[in-house]
């Protein structure tokens, strides 16, 4: 089922980049924007955001944050660049988050907004986040995943293969289990939108 290569997934998002904000606007306006804002209240200092995409989260950070944003899609990053203009506290990089060039314990906070659904090996990505987070730092995850409500979970499972092949995004990952498998210590976990949205605060 999960037979798309990294390159194929990347190209899907390069093609989606032009329309991404428009397609995501209803959910962003109704719930995701609020969830981002609430989670990013916990971000401060030197921050790394992986899968920063079109930069939707940038407006929710505190002014004291020094942000490095990374994404594997060049076209998504081009949209984000339009938002930062000459903001010297934001740096954007095009790279593979499974193998990042940062030194161990480089960041106070690492953020992933709706990215774990696309990575071929989400546990490897989370272990990489753990490596790059300072010992007393935090990892903030806002993800969509498998619901704990039976009829919604069954619907997600039913459409999973078709959805993944179309956009390279899994609907049925359990981000609590993935976080624990990667060795993260979950401090706070909240679910919303019928159990689909996961807001996680964790320690490395």
Protein backbone atom coordinates (compact mmCIF):
# COMPACT_ATOMS: atom_id res chain seq x y z
CA UNK A 1 0.00 0.00 0.00
CA UNK A 2 2.73 2.48 0.97
CA UNK A 3 4.68 2.10 -2.24
CA UNK A 4 5.28 5.75 -3.11
CA UNK A 5 8.92 6.82 -3.05
CA UNK A 6 10.12 9.96 -1.29
CA UNK A 7 10.61 11.56 -4.69
CA UNK A 8 7.04 10.75 -5.75
CA UNK A 9 5.60 12.20 -2.54
CA UNK A 10 7.77 15.28 -2.91
CA UNK A 11 6.53 15.84 -6.46
CA UNK A 12 2.91 15.52 -5.35
CA UNK A 13 3.46 18.37 -2.86
CA UNK A 14 5.37 20.44 -5.38
CA UNK A 15 2.30 20.19 -7.63
CA UNK A 16 -0.11 20.88 -4.75
CA UNK A 17 1.82 23.91 -3.51
CA UNK A 18 0.05 26.38 -5.80
CA UNK A 19 -3.39 25.37 -4.48
CA UNK A 20 -2.54 24.08 -1.00
CA UNK A 21 -3.65 27.09 1.06
CA UNK A 22 -6.92 27.35 -0.87
CA UNK A 23 -7.71 23.65 -0.46
CA UNK A 24 -6.87 23.67 3.24
CA UNK A 25 -8.60 26.96 4.07
CA UNK A 26 -11.92 25.58 5.46
CA UNK A 27 -10.25 23.30 8.03
CA UNK A 28 -7.56 25.87 8.80
CA UNK A 29 -10.20 28.50 9.50
CA UNK A 30 -12.57 26.27 11.47
CA UNK A 31 -10.18 24.33 13.71
CA UNK A 32 -6.56 23.80 12.67
CA UNK A 33 -5.54 27.45 12.99
CA UNK A 34 -6.80 27.49 16.59
CA UNK A 35 -4.99 24.23 17.37
CA UNK A 36 -1.74 25.61 15.93
CA UNK A 37 -2.06 28.77 18.00
CA UNK A 38 -2.71 26.86 21.23
CA UNK A 39 0.19 24.45 20.70
CA UNK A 40 2.71 27.07 19.60
CA UNK A 41 2.20 29.04 22.80
CA UNK A 42 4.67 26.51 24.19
CA UNK A 43 7.39 27.43 21.67
CA UNK A 44 10.23 29.76 22.60
CA UNK A 45 13.91 30.31 21.97
CA UNK A 46 15.63 28.47 19.14
CA UNK A 47 12.91 26.61 17.22
CA UNK A 48 13.03 24.08 14.40
CA UNK A 49 9.82 23.42 12.47
CA UNK A 50 9.92 20.45 10.13
CA UNK A 51 7.48 20.22 7.24
CA UNK A 52 6.86 23.94 7.47
CA UNK A 53 5.15 23.87 4.08
CA UNK A 54 3.61 27.18 3.04
CA UNK A 55 4.39 28.75 6.43
CA UNK A 56 0.90 28.75 7.90
CA UNK A 57 2.25 28.44 11.44
CA UNK A 58 4.63 31.42 11.27
CA UNK A 59 2.07 33.96 12.45
CA UNK A 60 1.43 31.96 15.65
CA UNK A 61 4.96 32.04 17.06
CA UNK A 62 6.03 34.36 19.87
CA UNK A 63 8.26 37.22 18.78
CA UNK A 64 11.17 35.85 20.80
CA UNK A 65 11.39 32.70 18.66
CA UNK A 66 14.31 32.22 16.30
CA UNK A 67 12.87 29.85 13.70
CA UNK A 68 14.49 27.44 11.27
CA UNK A 69 11.86 25.97 8.95
CA UNK A 70 12.55 22.97 6.75
CA UNK A 71 10.60 21.16 4.05
CA UNK A 72 11.35 18.70 1.26
CA UNK A 73 9.12 20.56 -1.23
CA UNK A 74 10.83 23.48 -2.92
CA UNK A 75 7.52 24.87 -4.17
CA UNK A 76 5.92 24.84 -0.71
CA UNK A 77 8.94 26.72 0.65
CA UNK A 78 8.60 29.35 -2.08
CA UNK A 79 5.17 30.18 -0.65
CA UNK A 80 6.61 30.39 2.86
CA UNK A 81 9.35 32.74 1.68
CA UNK A 82 6.69 35.25 0.61
CA UNK A 83 5.54 35.48 4.23
CA UNK A 84 8.87 36.05 5.92
CA UNK A 85 10.11 38.86 3.65
CA UNK A 86 13.13 40.34 5.48
CA UNK A 87 12.47 38.68 8.83
CA UNK A 88 15.97 37.77 10.04
CA UNK A 89 14.54 35.52 12.78
CA UNK A 90 13.22 33.02 10.22
CA UNK A 91 15.45 30.83 8.05
CA UNK A 92 14.08 28.34 5.52
CA UNK A 93 15.90 25.24 4.27
CA UNK A 94 15.08 22.56 1.71
CA UNK A 95 16.15 19.19 3.14
CA UNK A 96 15.21 15.62 4.09
CA UNK A 97 14.04 15.50 7.71
CA UNK A 98 15.05 11.85 8.14
CA UNK A 99 18.69 12.90 7.95
CA UNK A 100 19.12 16.48 9.09
CA UNK A 101 22.51 18.26 9.18
CA UNK A 102 21.99 19.78 12.64
CA UNK A 103 24.18 18.90 15.61
CA UNK A 104 22.80 16.97 18.57
CA UNK A 105 20.73 19.03 21.03
CA UNK A 106 20.65 22.10 18.77
CA UNK A 107 17.11 23.39 19.45
CA UNK A 108 15.01 24.45 22.42
CA UNK A 109 11.80 23.39 20.69
CA UNK A 110 11.05 21.29 17.62
CA UNK A 111 7.65 21.52 15.93
CA UNK A 112 5.90 19.33 13.39
CA UNK A 113 2.57 20.51 12.03
CA UNK A 114 0.71 17.90 9.97
CA UNK A 115 3.86 16.30 8.61
CA UNK A 116 4.15 12.83 10.12
CA UNK A 117 1.40 11.58 7.81
CA UNK A 118 3.70 11.94 4.79
CA UNK A 119 7.03 10.55 5.98
CA UNK A 120 7.98 7.03 4.87
CA UNK A 121 9.42 6.27 8.32
CA UNK A 122 7.74 8.46 10.96
CA UNK A 123 9.53 6.78 13.89
CA UNK A 124 12.90 7.53 12.28
CA UNK A 125 11.82 11.16 11.87
CA UNK A 126 10.75 11.40 15.51
CA UNK A 127 14.06 9.89 16.65
CA UNK A 128 15.81 12.54 14.58
CA UNK A 129 13.75 15.23 16.33
CA UNK A 130 14.70 13.72 19.66
CA UNK A 131 18.38 13.84 18.70
CA UNK A 132 18.21 17.51 17.75
CA UNK A 133 16.27 18.70 20.84
CA UNK A 134 18.05 19.99 23.92
CA UNK A 135 17.77 17.79 27.01
CA UNK A 136 15.35 20.20 28.69
CA UNK A 137 13.61 21.11 25.42
CA UNK A 138 10.20 20.24 23.99
CA UNK A 139 8.78 18.57 20.90
CA UNK A 140 5.39 19.88 19.76
CA UNK A 141 3.31 17.78 17.39
CA UNK A 142 0.05 18.73 15.69
CA UNK A 143 -1.04 15.80 13.55
CA UNK A 144 -4.09 14.15 12.03
CA UNK A 145 -4.37 10.42 12.51
CA UNK A 146 -6.53 7.42 13.28
CA UNK A 147 -9.64 8.24 15.30
CA UNK A 148 -10.66 6.43 18.49
CA UNK A 149 -14.30 6.60 17.35
CA UNK A 150 -15.19 3.32 15.67
CA UNK A 151 -17.25 4.46 12.68
CA UNK A 152 -14.79 7.24 11.81
CA UNK A 153 -11.83 4.87 12.22
CA UNK A 154 -13.52 2.34 9.90
CA UNK A 155 -14.12 5.07 7.30
CA UNK A 156 -10.47 6.17 7.51
CA UNK A 157 -9.30 2.59 7.00
CA UNK A 158 -11.66 2.16 4.05
CA UNK A 159 -10.34 5.17 2.12
CA UNK A 160 -6.69 4.94 3.27
CA UNK A 161 -5.17 3.31 0.17
CA UNK A 162 -6.91 5.60 -2.32
CA UNK A 163 -6.09 8.72 -0.30
CA UNK A 164 -2.44 7.77 0.15
CA UNK A 165 -1.93 7.03 -3.52
CA UNK A 166 -3.51 10.38 -4.41
CA UNK A 167 -1.62 12.72 -2.07
CA UNK A 168 1.05 10.63 -0.30
CA UNK A 169 -0.61 11.13 3.08
CA UNK A 170 -1.69 8.42 5.55
CA UNK A 171 -4.94 8.81 7.48
CA UNK A 172 -4.49 5.94 9.93
CA UNK A 173 -1.30 6.58 11.88
CA UNK A 174 -1.56 6.62 15.67
CA UNK A 175 0.76 9.43 16.71
CA UNK A 176 0.66 8.56 20.40
CA UNK A 177 2.04 5.10 19.61
CA UNK A 178 4.60 6.51 17.15
CA UNK A 179 5.82 9.04 19.73
CA UNK A 180 6.24 6.36 22.38
CA UNK A 181 8.01 4.00 19.92
CA UNK A 182 10.52 6.73 19.16
CA UNK A 183 11.34 7.14 22.85
CA UNK A 184 9.62 10.48 23.43
CA UNK A 185 8.10 11.23 26.83
CA UNK A 186 4.56 12.52 26.31
CA UNK A 187 3.76 15.35 28.73
CA UNK A 188 0.36 16.26 27.33
CA UNK A 189 -1.92 14.73 24.69
CA UNK A 190 -5.22 16.17 23.51
CA UNK A 191 -7.47 14.87 20.75
CA UNK A 192 -10.10 16.87 18.89
CA UNK A 193 -12.23 16.79 15.72
CA UNK A 194 -13.76 13.41 16.59
CA UNK A 195 -10.42 12.00 17.70
CA UNK A 196 -8.69 12.76 14.39
CA UNK A 197 -6.48 15.67 15.50
CA UNK A 198 -3.62 14.99 17.92
CA UNK A 199 -1.94 17.82 19.87
CA UNK A 200 1.12 16.46 21.66
CA UNK A 201 3.69 18.07 23.94
CA UNK A 202 6.65 15.77 24.52
CA UNK A 203 10.15 15.71 25.99
CA UNK A 204 13.15 14.09 24.26
